[in-house]
């Protein structure tokens, strides 16, 4: 993104350049030979503004060149004519460049609007509440202008409980977005229909086996929180993805590692053993943070990874969105530059039926 200050300087530079050239030429006399530099005005005018502004700057540069030629008694002479021709030529070239730039900007705006529409279909807003859960999501693209990428997430309320997925597609670009769409489409159907997470995982494997070519894969974590007021655990199914961060009511923090490492989605139909579901304590007042490796693998200028478990205290805000926003801002302060990979976070907070979020407050 170009800062407003830089944009203002670029807008003013053509006039400053022409003013300086004119003043120096008048004070230095005809022998100084700065008149051809009057072309700096229209040359830089094409960087900002539209065609009308560029044409006006070109006309002003040509008028000032004529005035200086008359002042230096060079009008009609070879040197004066060469200056006028060069200024006129640069003005025409700048006008053409401005027209081409505006056309590209219009095309880019159309592409961005299509990307935003695709995002609304692919990464739909998650519900703020699902069953007894409070849900919040954060997505930060590695490219400031980008809207979507290979990270994915979804929350589905099924007859069997609230089911969640977060994942990361190998690769970048439109191919990664297409693969993410396949995973999300299969999950949205299977999460509602299938009786357990392993069966949901099998549906995802079959969908990807029909779609993926070569050694492409998707790391993912599936989570299920059963319905009912006495639920004390969540079930996780990990396909080679970073383990979720569990934050207990008493403030203790740990990564919910699977009992054994398993291959990512897309590689599981090649004879390997599928992942085993495992349970983690998840009671009223607890929190479960699912994320992609763009969070934990983000490095600061000293090449240190982001210490997510040491930042668990940032989740103390009683508002789930506010808590996740605090982590996102801290992540960006840690990196101090644009992220090198997309970073998605999905926070599941088990609402305390009696004490609200008092347990979350006590973590501070």
Foldseek 3Di string as FASTA:
>chain_A
DDDPVNVVCLQCVLVVQLVVLLVCDLVVAPVVLSLLSNLVNLLSNLVDDALVSSLVSLVVSLVSLQVSCVVRVNVPHPSSVVSNVSSNVSSVVSSVSSVVVVVVVVVVVVVLVVQVVLCCVLANDADCDAALKGKDKDKDALDPSHDDWLWHKYWDQAQFFIKIKTKGWPDIDPVSSVLSSQQVVLLNVCVHPPNDDVVSLVSSLVSLLVPDDDPIFMWMKMKGFGHDQPTFKIKIFTAQFFFKWKADLQGDIDGPDFPDHHHGRNPVVPPDDGTDIDIDTDHALMKIKDKGVLQQCQAAPVRHGDPVRVCVLLCLDLRNNNSVVSSVVVSCVRHVDRGPGMMMMMMIHRADPPPGNVSSNVSD
